[in-house]
Structure formats: structure tokens, C-alpha cells
Protein backbone atom coordinates (compact mmCIF):
# COMPACT_ATOMS: atom_id res chain seq x y z
CA UNK A 1 171.65 61.94 90.48
CA UNK A 2 170.87 64.93 92.72
CA UNK A 3 170.05 67.08 89.66
CA UNK A 4 167.75 64.39 88.27
CA UNK A 5 165.77 64.31 91.55
CA UNK A 6 165.37 68.10 91.51
CA UNK A 7 164.17 68.04 87.87
CA UNK A 8 161.68 65.24 88.59
CA UNK A 9 160.39 67.10 91.65
CA UNK A 10 159.84 70.28 89.63
CA UNK A 11 158.03 68.33 86.90
CA UNK A 12 155.82 66.64 89.50
CA UNK A 13 154.88 69.98 91.09
CA UNK A 14 154.16 71.45 87.66
CA UNK A 15 151.88 68.50 86.88
CA UNK A 16 149.99 69.01 90.17
CA UNK A 17 149.55 72.72 89.41
CA UNK A 18 148.11 72.02 85.94
CA UNK A 19 145.69 69.46 87.35
CA UNK A 20 144.57 71.82 90.11
CA UNK A 21 143.95 74.62 87.63
CA UNK A 22 141.95 72.30 85.41
CA UNK A 23 139.89 71.14 88.38
CA UNK A 24 139.07 74.75 89.35
CA UNK A 25 138.10 75.52 85.74
CA UNK A 26 135.82 72.47 85.68
CA UNK A 27 134.23 73.48 88.97
CA UNK A 28 133.64 77.02 87.71
CA UNK A 29 132.18 75.71 84.46
CA UNK A 30 129.93 73.36 86.39
CA UNK A 31 128.86 76.15 88.71
CA UNK A 32 128.09 78.46 85.79
CA UNK A 33 126.12 75.72 84.04
CA UNK A 34 124.12 75.19 87.20
CA UNK A 35 123.33 78.90 87.40
CA UNK A 36 122.25 79.06 83.77
CA UNK A 37 120.17 75.85 83.69
CA UNK A 38 116.52 76.13 82.74
CA UNK A 39 115.48 72.48 82.91
CA UNK A 40 112.98 72.79 85.78
CA UNK A 41 109.59 73.40 84.15
CA UNK A 42 108.10 75.27 87.12
CA UNK A 43 111.02 77.72 86.97
CA UNK A 44 111.55 77.84 83.21
CA UNK A 45 107.96 78.96 82.69
CA UNK A 46 108.63 81.94 84.94
CA UNK A 47 111.63 83.22 83.00
CA UNK A 48 109.69 84.61 80.08
CA UNK A 49 110.68 87.86 78.36
CA UNK A 50 109.17 90.87 80.07
CA UNK A 51 106.53 92.52 77.89
CA UNK A 52 106.26 96.30 78.16
CA UNK A 53 102.82 97.91 78.19
CA UNK A 54 102.79 101.73 78.12
CA UNK A 55 99.05 102.15 77.60
CA UNK A 56 97.16 104.91 79.42
CA UNK A 57 93.62 105.31 80.70
CA UNK A 58 91.14 107.18 78.54
CA UNK A 59 89.65 108.36 81.84
CA UNK A 60 92.29 108.42 84.62
CA UNK A 61 91.68 107.37 88.21
CA UNK A 62 90.78 110.10 90.67
CA UNK A 63 94.05 111.93 91.49
CA UNK A 64 93.25 111.96 95.24
CA UNK A 65 92.86 108.16 95.39
CA UNK A 66 96.62 107.57 95.75
CA UNK A 67 98.85 107.30 98.83
CA UNK A 68 102.58 107.67 98.15
CA UNK A 69 104.93 105.98 100.64
CA UNK A 70 108.49 107.35 100.62
CA UNK A 71 111.00 105.15 102.44
CA UNK A 72 113.99 106.83 104.13
CA UNK A 73 116.27 106.73 107.16
CA UNK A 74 116.45 109.57 109.69
CA UNK A 75 119.77 110.81 108.36
CA UNK A 76 121.05 114.04 106.88
CA UNK A 77 121.71 112.19 103.63
CA UNK A 78 118.07 111.19 103.18
CA UNK A 79 116.51 114.27 104.78
CA UNK A 80 117.23 116.55 101.84
CA UNK A 81 116.26 113.77 99.43
CA UNK A 82 112.92 113.23 101.20
CA UNK A 83 112.23 116.96 101.27
CA UNK A 84 112.94 117.27 97.54
CA UNK A 85 110.78 114.24 96.73
CA UNK A 86 107.89 115.59 98.81
CA UNK A 87 108.01 119.13 97.42
CA UNK A 88 108.14 117.81 93.87
CA UNK A 89 105.09 115.61 94.49
CA UNK A 90 103.13 118.52 95.94
CA UNK A 91 104.04 120.60 92.90
CA UNK A 92 103.09 118.12 90.15
CA UNK A 93 100.45 116.08 92.01
CA UNK A 94 98.96 118.13 94.86
CA UNK A 95 95.93 115.85 95.26
CA UNK A 96 98.04 112.82 96.25
CA UNK A 97 98.68 111.99 99.91
CA UNK A 98 102.26 111.42 101.04
CA UNK A 99 103.72 109.63 104.06
CA UNK A 100 107.41 109.10 104.71
CA UNK A 101 108.18 105.74 106.33
CA UNK A 102 111.03 106.88 108.57
CA UNK A 103 113.44 104.15 109.61
CA UNK A 104 114.71 105.46 112.93
CA UNK A 105 115.93 103.69 116.06
CA UNK A 106 114.06 104.37 119.30
CA UNK A 107 117.09 106.07 120.86
CA UNK A 108 117.46 108.45 117.89
CA UNK A 109 113.83 109.53 117.70
CA UNK A 110 113.97 111.96 120.63
CA UNK A 111 116.87 113.92 119.15
CA UNK A 112 115.81 113.75 115.49
CA UNK A 113 114.72 117.24 114.44
CA UNK A 114 113.40 116.76 110.91
CA UNK A 115 110.41 114.44 111.36
CA UNK A 116 107.97 117.12 110.25
CA UNK A 117 109.67 118.24 107.02
CA UNK A 118 107.52 115.54 105.40
CA UNK A 119 104.43 113.86 106.91
CA UNK A 120 106.10 110.87 108.56
CA UNK A 121 105.59 107.78 110.68
CA UNK A 122 108.41 105.99 112.46
CA UNK A 123 109.33 102.41 111.57
CA UNK A 124 112.03 100.07 112.82
CA UNK A 125 115.58 100.88 111.72
CA UNK A 126 116.99 97.71 110.16
CA UNK A 127 120.07 99.32 108.62
CA UNK A 128 122.05 96.87 110.74
CA UNK A 129 120.30 93.58 110.20
CA UNK A 130 118.72 92.39 113.47
CA UNK A 131 119.56 88.75 112.75
CA UNK A 132 122.91 88.87 110.93
CA UNK A 133 124.29 92.09 112.46
CA UNK A 134 125.64 93.29 109.12
CA UNK A 135 124.85 96.46 107.16
CA UNK A 136 121.91 96.05 104.82
CA UNK A 137 119.79 99.25 104.80
CA UNK A 138 117.56 98.07 101.89
CA UNK A 139 115.85 95.71 104.36
CA UNK A 140 114.26 98.87 105.78
CA UNK A 141 111.93 99.20 102.83
CA UNK A 142 110.01 95.89 103.08
CA UNK A 143 110.03 96.04 106.89
CA UNK A 144 108.69 99.62 106.85
CA UNK A 145 105.89 98.76 104.41
CA UNK A 146 104.81 95.77 106.50
CA UNK A 147 104.91 97.81 109.73
CA UNK A 148 102.91 100.60 108.12
CA UNK A 149 100.07 98.24 107.28
CA UNK A 150 100.34 96.59 110.71
CA UNK A 151 99.90 100.02 112.30
CA UNK A 152 97.23 101.24 109.87
CA UNK A 153 94.41 98.75 109.26
CA UNK A 154 93.31 98.72 105.66
CA UNK A 155 89.87 100.14 106.42
CA UNK A 156 91.50 103.26 107.87
CA UNK A 157 93.34 104.00 104.60
CA UNK A 158 90.92 105.95 102.43
CA UNK A 159 92.99 105.75 99.23
CA UNK A 160 92.75 102.61 97.08
CA UNK A 161 96.15 102.85 95.41
CA UNK A 162 99.57 102.69 97.07
CA UNK A 163 102.79 103.95 95.46
CA UNK A 164 106.09 102.82 97.00
CA UNK A 165 109.11 104.91 96.02
CA UNK A 166 112.63 105.75 97.19
CA UNK A 167 113.56 109.11 98.66
CA UNK A 168 115.93 109.80 95.73
CA UNK A 169 113.04 109.88 93.26
CA UNK A 170 111.46 112.97 91.74
CA UNK A 171 108.01 112.71 90.18
CA UNK A 172 107.49 114.74 87.02
CA UNK A 173 103.75 114.16 86.56
CA UNK A 174 100.71 112.42 88.04
CA UNK A 175 100.64 108.63 87.79
CA UNK A 176 96.86 108.24 87.93
CA UNK A 177 96.60 107.84 84.16
CA UNK A 178 98.64 104.59 84.23
CA UNK A 179 96.29 101.57 84.10
CA UNK A 180 96.45 99.60 87.37
CA UNK A 181 94.03 97.02 88.72
CA UNK A 182 93.47 94.92 91.80
CA UNK A 183 95.73 91.90 91.29
CA UNK A 184 97.70 93.72 88.59
CA UNK A 185 100.28 96.16 90.03
CA UNK A 186 102.46 98.46 87.94
CA UNK A 187 106.26 98.77 87.99
CA UNK A 188 109.14 100.15 85.94
CA UNK A 189 111.17 97.90 83.65
CA UNK A 190 114.55 97.51 85.40
CA UNK A 191 116.63 95.87 82.63
CA UNK A 192 119.22 94.65 85.14
CA UNK A 193 117.75 91.70 87.03
CA UNK A 194 117.18 88.76 84.68
CA UNK A 195 120.78 87.50 84.77
CA UNK A 196 120.36 86.41 88.41
CA UNK A 197 116.60 85.84 88.43
CA UNK A 198 116.88 82.07 88.05
CA UNK A 199 119.14 81.76 91.08
CA UNK A 200 116.81 83.90 93.19
CA UNK A 201 113.75 81.96 92.04
CA UNK A 202 115.38 78.57 92.51
CA UNK A 203 116.31 79.38 96.10
CA UNK A 204 112.93 80.92 96.93
CA UNK A 205 110.97 77.99 95.53
CA UNK A 206 113.23 75.52 97.32
CA UNK A 207 112.30 77.21 100.61
CA UNK A 208 108.61 77.63 99.79
CA UNK A 209 107.42 75.20 97.07
CA UNK A 210 103.95 76.75 96.87
CA UNK A 211 105.36 80.04 95.56
CA UNK A 212 105.24 81.04 91.92
CA UNK A 213 103.41 78.21 90.20
CA UNK A 214 102.15 79.96 87.08
CA UNK A 215 103.14 83.64 87.10
CA UNK A 216 106.17 84.87 85.17
CA UNK A 217 108.93 86.77 86.97
CA UNK A 218 109.36 90.32 85.81
CA UNK A 219 112.52 92.40 85.46
CA UNK A 220 111.12 95.33 87.43
CA UNK A 221 111.98 98.06 89.91
CA UNK A 222 110.27 100.92 91.70
CA UNK A 223 108.17 102.97 91.79
CA UNK A 224 105.61 100.26 92.53
CA UNK A 225 101.88 100.98 92.21
CA UNK A 226 99.55 98.50 93.92
CA UNK A 227 96.00 98.22 95.18
CA UNK A 228 96.09 98.54 98.97
CA UNK A 229 94.75 95.01 99.48
CA UNK A 230 97.51 93.64 97.23
CA UNK A 231 100.13 95.65 99.14
CA UNK A 232 98.92 94.23 102.46
CA UNK A 233 99.06 90.68 101.06
CA UNK A 234 102.50 91.13 99.50
CA UNK A 235 104.30 92.98 102.34
CA UNK A 236 105.03 90.09 104.76
CA UNK A 237 106.30 87.93 101.88
CA UNK A 238 108.61 90.76 100.85
CA UNK A 239 110.20 90.72 104.30
CA UNK A 240 110.33 86.92 104.42
CA UNK A 241 111.96 86.44 101.02
CA UNK A 242 114.49 89.22 101.65
CA UNK A 243 115.61 87.40 104.77
CA UNK A 244 115.53 84.01 103.03
CA UNK A 245 117.76 85.19 100.17
CA UNK A 246 120.20 86.76 102.61
CA UNK A 247 120.23 83.77 104.94
CA UNK A 248 121.75 81.66 102.18
CA UNK A 249 125.38 82.74 101.86
CA UNK A 250 125.55 81.98 98.15
CA UNK A 251 122.49 84.01 97.15
CA UNK A 252 123.43 86.76 99.60
CA UNK A 253 126.90 87.18 98.05
CA UNK A 254 125.89 86.44 94.45
CA UNK A 255 122.88 88.76 94.28
CA UNK A 256 124.32 91.34 96.67
CA UNK A 257 122.85 94.76 97.48
CA UNK A 258 119.69 94.41 95.40
CA UNK A 259 118.37 91.29 97.13
CA UNK A 260 115.24 93.18 98.22
CA UNK A 261 114.42 94.01 94.58
CA UNK A 262 114.39 90.30 93.77
CA UNK A 263 112.43 89.49 96.91
CA UNK A 264 109.77 92.04 95.93
CA UNK A 265 109.33 90.21 92.61
CA UNK A 266 109.11 86.84 94.40
CA UNK A 267 106.69 88.25 96.98
CA UNK A 268 104.33 89.61 94.32
CA UNK A 269 104.43 86.30 92.45
CA UNK A 270 103.79 84.46 95.70
CA UNK A 271 100.81 86.72 96.37
CA UNK A 272 99.45 86.05 92.88
CA UNK A 273 100.07 89.57 91.56
CA UNK A 274 100.67 89.75 87.80
CA UNK A 275 102.50 92.98 86.94
CA UNK A 276 101.95 95.52 84.22
CA UNK A 277 105.47 96.57 83.23
CA UNK A 278 106.21 100.04 81.81
CA UNK A 279 109.39 101.65 80.53
CA UNK A 280 108.14 105.23 80.94
CA UNK A 281 107.57 105.20 84.69
CA UNK A 282 111.12 106.10 85.71
CA UNK A 283 114.49 107.03 84.23
CA UNK A 284 117.78 106.04 85.90
CA UNK A 285 120.28 107.89 83.72
CA UNK A 286 123.01 106.98 82.86
CA UNK A 287 121.89 103.37 83.35
CA UNK A 288 118.71 103.74 81.30
CA UNK A 289 117.75 106.02 78.45
CA UNK A 290 115.92 109.21 79.32
CA UNK A 291 112.62 109.90 77.61
CA UNK A 292 111.18 113.39 77.59
CA UNK A 293 107.82 112.15 78.86
CA UNK A 294 109.18 109.83 81.58
CA UNK A 295 107.07 110.08 84.75
CA UNK A 296 109.90 110.23 87.31
CA UNK A 297 113.65 110.58 87.70
CA UNK A 298 115.73 108.44 90.02
CA UNK A 299 119.21 109.81 90.67
CA UNK A 300 121.80 107.09 91.17
CA UNK A 301 125.17 107.42 92.83
CA UNK A 302 127.11 109.17 90.07
CA UNK A 303 125.79 111.32 87.24
CA UNK A 304 128.76 111.80 84.93
CA UNK A 305 129.45 112.57 81.28
CA UNK A 306 132.28 114.29 79.35
CA UNK A 307 134.09 115.36 82.51
CA UNK A 308 130.97 116.81 84.13
CA UNK A 309 129.90 115.05 87.29
CA UNK A 310 127.43 115.26 90.16
CA UNK A 311 127.14 112.70 92.95
CA UNK A 312 124.59 112.58 95.76
CA UNK A 313 127.33 111.03 97.91
CA UNK A 314 128.90 114.49 98.14
CA UNK A 315 126.02 115.46 100.45
CA UNK A 316 126.01 112.74 103.10
CA UNK A 317 125.44 115.05 106.08
CA UNK A 318 122.75 117.51 107.21
CA UNK A 319 122.54 120.31 104.66
CA UNK A 320 119.03 121.55 105.45
CA UNK A 321 120.22 123.89 108.18
CA UNK A 322 122.96 125.45 106.02
CA UNK A 323 123.40 127.49 102.85
CA UNK A 324 124.51 124.51 100.73
CA UNK A 325 122.87 124.13 97.32
CA UNK A 326 123.49 121.74 94.45
CA UNK A 327 125.97 123.01 91.85
CA UNK A 328 123.98 123.35 88.63
CA UNK A 329 126.97 124.75 86.70
CA UNK A 330 128.64 121.37 86.25
CA UNK A 331 125.69 119.30 85.05
CA UNK A 332 126.32 116.36 82.70
CA UNK A 333 123.06 117.06 80.83
CA UNK A 334 119.62 118.67 81.07
CA UNK A 335 118.28 115.59 82.86
CA UNK A 336 120.64 116.13 85.79
CA UNK A 337 120.09 119.89 85.71
CA UNK A 338 116.36 119.34 86.19
CA UNK A 339 117.08 117.05 89.16
CA UNK A 340 119.43 119.54 90.83
CA UNK A 341 117.12 122.49 90.17
CA UNK A 342 114.24 120.60 91.82
CA UNK A 343 116.39 119.80 94.85
CA UNK A 344 117.51 123.43 95.14
CA UNK A 345 113.93 124.70 94.83
CA UNK A 346 112.91 122.47 97.74
CA UNK A 347 115.87 123.56 99.89
CA UNK A 348 115.31 127.27 99.23
CA UNK A 349 111.56 127.02 99.92
CA UNK A 350 112.10 125.16 103.20
CA UNK A 351 114.81 127.56 104.39
CA UNK A 352 112.69 130.62 103.65
CA UNK A 353 109.74 129.13 105.50
CA UNK A 354 111.98 128.31 108.43
CA UNK A 355 113.94 131.60 108.24
CA UNK A 356 117.23 129.93 107.30
CA UNK A 357 119.95 131.68 105.29
CA UNK A 358 119.96 130.96 101.56
């Protein structure tokens, strides 16, 4: 009798385990179906395939009618990146104006010694989120852009076109031959965002039903090129939707680090800006193919191929005031070699001008 009870108990526990597993599977299937649904017309219309348009102007815009905003923290890691980005711009596009939006806390500004390596203005440091107290440095970008326009009224900005780019971006040519219009910004095809676009859109529209009624959502990333009036209109929405997507625990965890990329897309749609999408504006090797005529390089965390590797994370501290240079002998390909050579050229030039050892 005792053995029979033990056997029955084991069978009962096994039955409970099978049922629990099945329930979890059903929940996961239901959750996945919910994420993939496209039965809401106002959202389904937005999830159209992104159409690439690589046309160029017959007569380009004036090259001095552009203001490039580089976003960066006041850290050794982004100082050398900002310097390299700035020097590369001045080499390939000397007519363009450049301002670094420098995310720096008030207490750090007095002791920060590299403000003048690039023309810069201070903005609030939101690397630690002011509301949630967690680390989310990408919030700095939308906050910095909004603060810049708050501090600089639009009639004081003489350029008509604004370019927003990361510090780890190297321009290879002028961008003034890319068609851009008021109400029609330009951005690079990202090829990574559509799988979570519905979730981001669904949450944004649920918070703000007036957003995105007719415009499609584009799978895009920086650099962004906008008319200054469009940038002013979009900026506060960019901040708002970044916070909205992070305030919801599901979208915060599901979308993760690139929330602000999605919120930029939502903000532009909310502002009525219909993008021109290109695939020759930026290369992010090894995540995207590299074209010889691509307009800029963005260097991601790890550049690796066939045992050859370079990572920007190997240079997290201040290297300006040192003799450190990038190792060009272990380059995965010519793409990376061009990036590292440009960085080294900027470092050597700055050190010579400031009488540092090279």
C-alpha cells in the first residue's frame, strides 16, 4: 500500500509539471501572437516596407548651409571619438559648421579639460536617468538636441539644415548633394528595427492617440538630416517618447538599449515628417555591407574578422594626453584600417598642436 501511494504521488506531480509546461508554452505563444499582430488598421498602415531612395541633387545645396551636431559625454572614451569626428569633417567638408553637444554634469564642468578640442556647448548629463535612476546614456542625445534649440532660438541659427550624428562616426564626403526638404528629412536605412517596430508603435499610440495617423514608420538610424524648423518641432517629442517607452517595463526590457532610435522614428512621425531613406549614408560593418562610395563610417563595438580584431572599448580612458595610437597592423579589412588611420591622424595633429609626445 505504501508503495502504491508513492507511485500515485509521483504520477500526480508529473501530471502537474506537464500541465504547467503546457500553460507556459501557451502563454508564450499568445504573447508572441500579440507582438506579431497587425490587425489594427492605424498601425498596420504604418508598417510598410521601407523604400530606399539614393538619388542625388543635380545642383547640391550650399555646403555652408549645414550645422552638424555631434552628441557626446565629457569622458575620455568619447573625447578621442569627438576629436576624430571633428577633424574628419573639417577635412572632407570644411564649409560645414560643427557643434558638439557635450553631456556633462555641472560638478564635472569645472574640471573638464577638453571642452575646446571641438566647438562645444554643455547640455544636461542624463547618463543616469533623472527619473528612473538607472544607466541609459542614449537619453542624452534627444535631451541634448532639445536643450540646444531651447538655448539657441531658431532665428539665431544661420544654417537651414541640421545633421545629428554620433561621436563614433567619420564622414567621408559632403552630404549636401543628398536631396532633403522641409518636412522630408533624410536618414540611413538601419535594417535592424522592424522586428520590434509594432510593439513600439502600439505603445506610443496608446499613450498619444493623435500620433502617426498616416505616415509609415521607417527602419532608420543616424546620421539624421533635417530642416532646422523640423528639428525644433521633433526634438521635444523625441524626449517624450524615449521616456514613455522606458516608463513601460515591457517595452523598456523588450526593446532595450535602442529605445531612443525607435522614439526618434515615432517623434518624426508625430511631427509629420516623412523620411527619405538611403542605404549609402552610413556603413556599420560588420552589421551592414560596406560600399566604396558610402558617405560615412560608424564603428561599432567590435570590428573582427578571421582572427583580426579592433574594439573601441579598448580605449575607454583619456588617451589624448598620451602617446597611444590605434593599432593599424591588426585590421580586419581596409574599412577598419581607414577608420583607425583617420583616428590616428586626428590624435597626431592635436598632439603636435598642443606639443604632446607622439
